[in-house]
N, C-alpha and C. Protein backbone atom coordinates (compact mmCIF):
# COMPACT_ATOMS: atom_id res chain seq x y z
N MET A 1 -62.08 47.27 -25.05
CA MET A 1 -61.76 45.90 -24.69
C MET A 1 -60.44 45.82 -23.92
N TYR A 2 -59.52 46.73 -24.23
CA TYR A 2 -58.21 46.72 -23.57
C TYR A 2 -57.90 48.12 -23.02
N PRO A 3 -58.51 48.48 -21.92
CA PRO A 3 -58.35 49.84 -21.40
C PRO A 3 -56.91 50.20 -21.05
N ASP A 4 -56.07 49.23 -20.80
CA ASP A 4 -54.69 49.51 -20.43
C ASP A 4 -53.89 50.17 -21.55
N ILE A 5 -54.34 50.03 -22.80
CA ILE A 5 -53.56 50.61 -23.91
C ILE A 5 -54.09 51.98 -24.34
N LEU A 6 -55.10 52.50 -23.66
CA LEU A 6 -55.66 53.81 -23.99
C LEU A 6 -54.93 54.91 -23.22
N ASN A 7 -54.93 56.12 -23.78
CA ASN A 7 -54.31 57.24 -23.07
C ASN A 7 -55.28 57.81 -22.03
N GLU A 8 -54.91 58.92 -21.41
CA GLU A 8 -55.72 59.48 -20.32
C GLU A 8 -57.09 59.96 -20.79
N GLN A 9 -57.23 60.26 -22.09
CA GLN A 9 -58.51 60.68 -22.64
C GLN A 9 -59.36 59.49 -23.10
N GLY A 10 -58.86 58.28 -22.88
CA GLY A 10 -59.59 57.09 -23.28
C GLY A 10 -59.48 56.79 -24.76
N GLU A 11 -58.45 57.30 -25.41
CA GLU A 11 -58.24 57.11 -26.85
C GLU A 11 -56.89 56.44 -27.11
N PHE A 12 -56.70 55.99 -28.34
CA PHE A 12 -55.42 55.42 -28.74
C PHE A 12 -54.45 56.53 -29.12
N ASP A 13 -53.20 56.37 -28.79
CA ASP A 13 -52.14 57.24 -29.28
C ASP A 13 -51.59 56.60 -30.55
N VAL A 14 -51.78 57.25 -31.68
CA VAL A 14 -51.27 56.73 -32.95
C VAL A 14 -49.80 57.10 -33.04
N ILE A 15 -48.95 56.11 -33.07
CA ILE A 15 -47.51 56.33 -33.12
C ILE A 15 -47.05 56.42 -34.57
N ALA A 16 -47.60 55.57 -35.43
CA ALA A 16 -47.23 55.55 -36.84
C ALA A 16 -48.35 54.91 -37.63
N ASP A 17 -48.44 55.25 -38.89
CA ASP A 17 -49.41 54.66 -39.80
C ASP A 17 -48.61 53.86 -40.82
N ILE A 18 -48.61 52.54 -40.68
CA ILE A 18 -47.81 51.68 -41.55
C ILE A 18 -48.74 50.73 -42.29
N VAL A 19 -48.63 50.71 -43.59
CA VAL A 19 -49.44 49.83 -44.41
C VAL A 19 -48.51 48.82 -45.07
N GLY A 20 -48.83 47.55 -44.93
CA GLY A 20 -48.02 46.51 -45.54
C GLY A 20 -48.08 46.57 -47.06
N ARG A 21 -47.02 46.24 -47.69
CA ARG A 21 -46.95 46.23 -49.15
C ARG A 21 -47.25 44.84 -49.67
N ARG A 22 -47.90 44.79 -50.78
CA ARG A 22 -48.26 43.53 -51.40
C ARG A 22 -47.44 43.34 -52.67
N PRO A 23 -47.16 42.11 -53.03
CA PRO A 23 -46.38 41.88 -54.25
C PRO A 23 -47.18 42.20 -55.51
N THR A 24 -46.47 42.63 -56.53
CA THR A 24 -47.10 42.84 -57.83
C THR A 24 -47.12 41.50 -58.57
N ARG A 25 -47.82 41.50 -59.67
CA ARG A 25 -47.96 40.28 -60.46
C ARG A 25 -47.64 40.60 -61.91
N THR A 26 -46.79 39.82 -62.53
CA THR A 26 -46.50 40.00 -63.94
C THR A 26 -47.80 39.86 -64.72
N GLY A 27 -48.11 40.84 -65.54
CA GLY A 27 -49.35 40.80 -66.29
C GLY A 27 -50.46 41.59 -65.62
N GLY A 28 -50.18 42.18 -64.47
CA GLY A 28 -51.17 43.00 -63.78
C GLY A 28 -51.98 42.22 -62.77
N MET A 29 -52.92 42.92 -62.19
CA MET A 29 -53.77 42.33 -61.17
C MET A 29 -54.62 41.19 -61.70
N ARG A 30 -54.93 40.26 -60.84
CA ARG A 30 -55.81 39.15 -61.21
C ARG A 30 -57.08 39.24 -60.38
N ILE A 31 -58.19 39.50 -61.06
CA ILE A 31 -59.51 39.46 -60.44
C ILE A 31 -60.38 38.62 -61.37
N GLU A 32 -60.60 37.38 -60.98
CA GLU A 32 -61.38 36.49 -61.83
C GLU A 32 -61.83 35.27 -61.05
N ILE A 33 -62.76 34.54 -61.66
CA ILE A 33 -63.28 33.30 -61.10
C ILE A 33 -62.53 32.14 -61.73
N GLU A 34 -62.19 31.15 -60.90
CA GLU A 34 -61.56 29.93 -61.40
C GLU A 34 -62.31 28.74 -60.83
N LYS A 35 -62.67 27.82 -61.69
CA LYS A 35 -63.28 26.55 -61.28
C LYS A 35 -62.17 25.53 -61.18
N ARG A 36 -62.09 24.85 -60.04
CA ARG A 36 -61.03 23.87 -59.83
C ARG A 36 -61.64 22.53 -59.43
N THR A 37 -61.19 21.48 -60.07
CA THR A 37 -61.63 20.13 -59.72
C THR A 37 -60.56 19.49 -58.85
N GLY A 38 -61.00 18.82 -57.82
CA GLY A 38 -60.06 18.17 -56.92
C GLY A 38 -59.43 19.12 -55.93
N ALA A 39 -59.95 20.34 -55.87
CA ALA A 39 -59.38 21.34 -54.97
C ALA A 39 -59.71 21.03 -53.51
N LEU A 40 -60.66 20.16 -53.29
CA LEU A 40 -61.07 19.83 -51.91
C LEU A 40 -60.50 18.48 -51.49
N GLY A 41 -59.24 18.27 -51.78
CA GLY A 41 -58.62 17.00 -51.43
C GLY A 41 -58.89 15.94 -52.47
N ALA A 42 -59.03 14.72 -52.04
CA ALA A 42 -59.20 13.60 -52.97
C ALA A 42 -60.66 13.38 -53.34
N THR A 43 -61.55 14.27 -52.97
CA THR A 43 -62.97 14.06 -53.23
C THR A 43 -63.33 14.21 -54.69
N GLY A 44 -62.52 14.96 -55.44
CA GLY A 44 -62.81 15.19 -56.85
C GLY A 44 -63.92 16.19 -57.07
N LYS A 45 -64.39 16.82 -56.01
CA LYS A 45 -65.45 17.81 -56.14
C LYS A 45 -64.91 19.09 -56.75
N GLU A 46 -65.80 19.82 -57.40
CA GLU A 46 -65.42 21.09 -57.99
C GLU A 46 -65.53 22.20 -56.95
N ALA A 47 -64.56 23.10 -56.94
CA ALA A 47 -64.57 24.26 -56.06
C ALA A 47 -64.44 25.50 -56.91
N THR A 48 -64.97 26.59 -56.42
CA THR A 48 -64.87 27.86 -57.12
C THR A 48 -64.02 28.80 -56.28
N VAL A 49 -63.04 29.43 -56.93
CA VAL A 49 -62.14 30.37 -56.27
C VAL A 49 -62.28 31.72 -56.96
N ILE A 50 -62.43 32.77 -56.17
CA ILE A 50 -62.39 34.12 -56.72
C ILE A 50 -61.02 34.69 -56.37
N HIS A 51 -60.22 34.94 -57.39
CA HIS A 51 -58.88 35.48 -57.19
C HIS A 51 -58.94 37.00 -57.19
N ALA A 52 -58.18 37.62 -56.30
CA ALA A 52 -58.05 39.08 -56.25
C ALA A 52 -56.70 39.40 -55.62
N TYR A 53 -55.67 39.44 -56.44
CA TYR A 53 -54.33 39.70 -55.92
C TYR A 53 -53.45 40.30 -57.00
N GLY A 54 -52.28 40.78 -56.57
CA GLY A 54 -51.29 41.28 -57.51
C GLY A 54 -51.31 42.78 -57.73
N ALA A 55 -51.93 43.52 -56.83
CA ALA A 55 -52.04 44.97 -57.00
C ALA A 55 -50.76 45.71 -56.62
N GLY A 56 -49.85 45.04 -55.97
CA GLY A 56 -48.61 45.70 -55.56
C GLY A 56 -48.88 46.75 -54.49
N GLY A 57 -48.11 47.81 -54.51
CA GLY A 57 -48.23 48.87 -53.52
C GLY A 57 -49.54 49.61 -53.58
N ARG A 58 -50.30 49.45 -54.64
CA ARG A 58 -51.59 50.12 -54.76
C ARG A 58 -52.71 49.36 -54.05
N GLY A 59 -52.41 48.20 -53.52
CA GLY A 59 -53.43 47.34 -52.93
C GLY A 59 -54.31 48.02 -51.89
N PHE A 60 -53.70 48.78 -51.01
CA PHE A 60 -54.48 49.44 -49.95
C PHE A 60 -55.39 50.51 -50.53
N GLU A 61 -54.86 51.33 -51.42
CA GLU A 61 -55.66 52.45 -51.93
C GLU A 61 -56.78 52.02 -52.87
N ILE A 62 -56.65 50.87 -53.52
CA ILE A 62 -57.72 50.42 -54.42
C ILE A 62 -58.55 49.28 -53.83
N SER A 63 -58.33 48.99 -52.55
CA SER A 63 -58.99 47.83 -51.95
C SER A 63 -60.51 47.89 -52.01
N TRP A 64 -61.09 49.07 -51.85
CA TRP A 64 -62.56 49.17 -51.91
C TRP A 64 -63.07 48.82 -53.31
N GLY A 65 -62.38 49.27 -54.33
CA GLY A 65 -62.77 48.94 -55.70
C GLY A 65 -62.61 47.47 -56.00
N VAL A 66 -61.53 46.88 -55.50
CA VAL A 66 -61.29 45.45 -55.69
C VAL A 66 -62.39 44.66 -54.99
N ALA A 67 -62.73 45.06 -53.77
CA ALA A 67 -63.79 44.37 -53.03
C ALA A 67 -65.11 44.46 -53.78
N GLU A 68 -65.37 45.60 -54.40
CA GLU A 68 -66.61 45.76 -55.17
C GLU A 68 -66.64 44.80 -56.37
N GLU A 69 -65.50 44.66 -57.04
CA GLU A 69 -65.43 43.74 -58.18
C GLU A 69 -65.59 42.28 -57.72
N VAL A 70 -64.98 41.93 -56.61
CA VAL A 70 -65.11 40.57 -56.07
C VAL A 70 -66.56 40.31 -55.70
N ASN A 71 -67.22 41.30 -55.12
CA ASN A 71 -68.63 41.16 -54.77
C ASN A 71 -69.48 40.91 -56.01
N LYS A 72 -69.21 41.62 -57.09
CA LYS A 72 -69.96 41.40 -58.34
C LYS A 72 -69.76 39.97 -58.85
N LEU A 73 -68.52 39.49 -58.79
CA LEU A 73 -68.25 38.12 -59.22
C LEU A 73 -68.99 37.12 -58.34
N ALA A 74 -68.98 37.35 -57.03
CA ALA A 74 -69.68 36.44 -56.11
C ALA A 74 -71.18 36.47 -56.38
N GLU A 75 -71.74 37.64 -56.65
CA GLU A 75 -73.17 37.72 -56.95
C GLU A 75 -73.53 36.95 -58.20
N THR A 76 -72.67 36.98 -59.23
CA THR A 76 -72.97 36.21 -60.45
C THR A 76 -72.96 34.72 -60.15
N LEU A 77 -72.06 34.29 -59.28
CA LEU A 77 -72.02 32.87 -58.90
C LEU A 77 -73.27 32.47 -58.13
N LEU A 78 -73.68 33.33 -57.20
CA LEU A 78 -74.87 33.04 -56.39
C LEU A 78 -76.13 33.04 -57.24
N GLU A 79 -76.23 33.95 -58.18
CA GLU A 79 -77.39 34.00 -59.08
C GLU A 79 -77.47 32.76 -59.95
N ALA A 80 -76.32 32.21 -60.33
CA ALA A 80 -76.28 31.00 -61.16
C ALA A 80 -76.80 29.79 -60.39
N HIS A 81 -76.75 29.84 -59.06
CA HIS A 81 -77.21 28.72 -58.22
C HIS A 81 -78.67 28.84 -57.83
N ASP A 82 -79.31 29.96 -58.14
CA ASP A 82 -80.73 30.13 -57.79
C ASP A 82 -81.64 29.35 -58.70
């Protein structure tokens, strides 16, 4: 898409590998479902939030496992609506 940033071989030159750090959470990571009323403004409708945060510096290395757990939670919500 951006040929001007490629090297002579048509590839990217990796200068550095930098991964952003995420904050930790007192009590450990939070991966859970929360039902919230009024979360959609003044409508008073119920909204569902899947939380997945607080892993700290381990966030990048465990991200696939966290995504798998979030997917399981989402599937249980979708199955409940069938």
